[in-house]
C-alpha atoms as a PDB file:
ATOM      1  CA  MET A   1      88.335 -82.872 -86.636  1.00  0.00           C
ATOM      2  CA  PRO A   2      89.607 -79.302 -86.806  1.00  0.00           C
ATOM      3  CA  THR A   3      86.634 -76.491 -85.834  1.00  0.00           C
ATOM      4  CA  ASP A   4      86.409 -73.234 -87.466  1.00  0.00           C
ATOM      5  CA  ALA A   5      84.301 -71.430 -84.353  1.00  0.00           C
ATOM      6  CA  GLN A   6      85.901 -68.651 -82.992  1.00  0.00           C
ATOM      7  CA  PRO A   7      86.855 -68.535 -79.604  1.00  0.00           C
ATOM      8  CA  VAL A   8      84.373 -66.093 -77.494  1.00  0.00           C
ATOM      9  CA  TYR A   9      86.271 -64.131 -74.840  1.00  0.00           C
ATOM     10  CA  THR A  10      84.904 -63.543 -71.333  1.00  0.00           C
ATOM     11  CA  VAL A  11      83.897 -60.076 -70.864  1.00  0.00           C
ATOM     12  CA  GLN A  12      84.837 -58.733 -67.548  1.00  0.00           C
ATOM     13  CA  LEU A  13      84.226 -54.926 -66.450  1.00  0.00           C
ATOM     14  CA  LYS A  14      85.477 -52.559 -64.147  1.00  0.00           C
ATOM     15  CA  LYS A  15      83.480 -51.798 -60.715  1.00  0.00           C
ATOM     16  CA  ASP A  16      83.591 -48.194 -61.706  1.00  0.00           C
ATOM     17  CA  VAL A  17      82.416 -49.166 -65.600  1.00  0.00           C
ATOM     18  CA  GLU A  18      79.482 -51.318 -64.052  1.00  0.00           C
ATOM     19  CA  ARG A  19      78.435 -48.283 -62.024  1.00  0.00           C
ATOM     20  CA  THR A  20      78.435 -45.919 -65.147  1.00  0.00           C
ATOM     21  CA  MET A  21      76.701 -48.434 -66.740  1.00  0.00           C
ATOM     22  CA  ARG A  22      73.587 -48.693 -64.441  1.00  0.00           C
ATOM     23  CA  LYS A  23      73.608 -44.706 -64.606  1.00  0.00           C
ATOM     24  CA  LEU A  24      72.784 -44.387 -68.356  1.00  0.00           C
ATOM     25  CA  PRO A  25      69.664 -43.938 -70.080  1.00  0.00           C
ATOM     26  CA  ALA A  26      68.399 -47.544 -71.301  1.00  0.00           C
ATOM     27  CA  ASP A  27      68.812 -46.762 -74.989  1.00  0.00           C
ATOM     28  CA  LEU A  28      72.428 -45.998 -74.810  1.00  0.00           C
ATOM     29  CA  ARG A  29      72.934 -48.683 -72.183  1.00  0.00           C
ATOM     30  CA  ARG A  30      71.217 -51.275 -74.342  1.00  0.00           C
ATOM     31  CA  ARG A  31      73.773 -49.801 -77.280  1.00  0.00           C
ATOM     32  CA  ILE A  32      76.830 -50.225 -75.137  1.00  0.00           C
ATOM     33  CA  GLN A  33      75.958 -53.659 -74.284  1.00  0.00           C
ATOM     34  CA  GLN A  34      75.476 -54.924 -77.861  1.00  0.00           C
ATOM     35  CA  ALA A  35      78.573 -53.214 -78.493  1.00  0.00           C
ATOM     36  CA  ILE A  36      80.655 -54.982 -75.896  1.00  0.00           C
ATOM     37  CA  ASN A  37      79.054 -58.199 -76.682  1.00  0.00           C
ATOM     38  CA  ALA A  38      80.367 -57.905 -80.493  1.00  0.00           C
ATOM     39  CA  ILE A  39      83.513 -57.331 -78.484  1.00  0.00           C
ATOM     40  CA  ALA A  40      83.606 -60.558 -76.966  1.00  0.00           C
ATOM     41  CA  GLU A  41      82.854 -62.200 -80.166  1.00  0.00           C
ATOM     42  CA  GLU A  42      85.775 -60.702 -82.157  1.00  0.00           C
ATOM     43  CA  PRO A  43      87.869 -58.150 -80.018  1.00  0.00           C
ATOM     44  CA  ARG A  44      89.565 -56.546 -83.109  1.00  0.00           C
ATOM     45  CA  HIS A  45      86.457 -56.186 -85.719  1.00  0.00           C
ATOM     46  CA  PRO A  46      86.694 -53.404 -88.287  1.00  0.00           C
ATOM     47  CA  GLY A  47      86.046 -50.450 -86.325  1.00  0.00           C
ATOM     48  CA  VAL A  48      88.228 -50.805 -83.628  1.00  0.00           C
ATOM     49  CA  ILE A  49      91.224 -49.066 -82.888  1.00  0.00           C
ATOM     50  CA  ALA A  50      94.228 -49.906 -81.034  1.00  0.00           C
ATOM     51  CA  VAL A  51      95.165 -47.202 -78.284  1.00  0.00           C
ATOM     52  CA  LYS A  52      98.238 -45.647 -78.889  1.00  0.00           C
ATOM     53  CA  GLY A  53     101.084 -46.070 -76.603  1.00  0.00           C
ATOM     54  CA  PHE A  54      99.582 -49.212 -74.826  1.00  0.00           C
ATOM     55  CA  ASP A  55     100.157 -52.806 -75.733  1.00  0.00           C
ATOM     56  CA  SER A  56      96.374 -54.543 -76.418  1.00  0.00           C
ATOM     57  CA  VAL A  57      94.419 -51.727 -75.573  1.00  0.00           C
ATOM     58  CA  TYR A  58      91.907 -50.686 -77.672  1.00  0.00           C
ATOM     59  CA  ARG A  59      88.643 -48.626 -78.211  1.00  0.00           C
ATOM     60  CA  VAL A  60      85.340 -48.512 -80.073  1.00  0.00           C
ATOM     61  CA  ARG A  61      83.051 -45.705 -80.759  1.00  0.00           C
ATOM     62  CA  VAL A  62      79.393 -45.965 -79.379  1.00  0.00           C
ATOM     63  CA  GLY A  63      77.994 -42.456 -80.691  1.00  0.00           C
ATOM     64  CA  ASP A  64      79.595 -39.755 -78.678  1.00  0.00           C
ATOM     65  CA  TRP A  65      80.907 -42.758 -76.524  1.00  0.00           C
ATOM     66  CA  ARG A  66      83.748 -44.893 -76.218  1.00  0.00           C
ATOM     67  CA  ILE A  67      84.677 -48.049 -74.671  1.00  0.00           C
ATOM     68  CA  VAL A  68      88.153 -48.557 -73.742  1.00  0.00           C
ATOM     69  CA  TYR A  69      89.275 -52.358 -73.524  1.00  0.00           C
ATOM     70  CA  LEU A  70      92.460 -54.551 -72.515  1.00  0.00           C
ATOM     71  CA  VAL A  71      92.272 -58.030 -74.704  1.00  0.00           C
ATOM     72  CA  GLU A  72      94.513 -60.916 -72.942  1.00  0.00           C
ATOM     73  CA  ASP A  73      94.484 -63.526 -75.624  1.00  0.00           C
ATOM     74  CA  ASP A  74      95.833 -66.208 -73.811  1.00  0.00           C
ATOM     75  CA  MET A  75      93.192 -66.339 -71.364  1.00  0.00           C
ATOM     76  CA  LEU A  76      90.715 -64.964 -73.560  1.00  0.00           C
ATOM     77  CA  ILE A  77      89.620 -62.276 -71.174  1.00  0.00           C
ATOM     78  CA  VAL A  78      88.248 -58.931 -72.615  1.00  0.00           C
ATOM     79  CA  LEU A  79      88.466 -56.076 -69.595  1.00  0.00           C
ATOM     80  CA  VAL A  80      86.554 -53.147 -70.143  1.00  0.00           C
ATOM     81  CA  LEU A  81      88.431 -50.607 -68.566  1.00  0.00           C
ATOM     82  CA  GLU A  82      86.135 -47.493 -69.347  1.00  0.00           C
ATOM     83  CA  VAL A  83      82.897 -46.695 -70.719  1.00  0.00           C
ATOM     84  CA  THR A  84      83.183 -42.940 -70.963  1.00  0.00           C
ATOM     85  CA  PRO A  85      81.918 -39.829 -73.165  1.00  0.00           C
ATOM     86  CA  ARG A  86      84.235 -38.969 -76.096  1.00  0.00           C
ATOM     87  CA  GLY A  87      85.774 -35.869 -74.032  1.00  0.00           C
ATOM     88  CA  GLY A  88      86.561 -37.990 -70.926  1.00  0.00           C
ATOM     89  CA  ALA A  89      88.260 -40.616 -72.455  1.00  0.00           C
ATOM     90  CA  TYR A  90      91.915 -42.013 -71.894  1.00  0.00           C
ATOM     91  CA  ARG A  91      92.451 -39.609 -68.990  1.00  0.00           C
ATOM     92  CA  ARG A  92      92.689 -42.660 -66.326  1.00  0.00           C
ATOM     93  CA  LEU A  93      95.022 -45.125 -68.350  1.00  0.00           C
END
């Protein structure tokens, strides 16, 4: 019997992303975590934009912050590369 359930991706955070998340105010950290949870359910949901010049790299906006991540569909992994304010996004890609 076929299932209609979407595969849930495993989310991995780079160590510097984990460090950044720990330093954020609780309300912002909660909003970013909610966005990351939504990415795990559907990595290419409406509101997600592909980063030009990179294959399988996407970004999503949370207020003035950006979450930049890589999707590995064959392994069902989302690797969060950056969580940064808008002005600092994409510098380390």
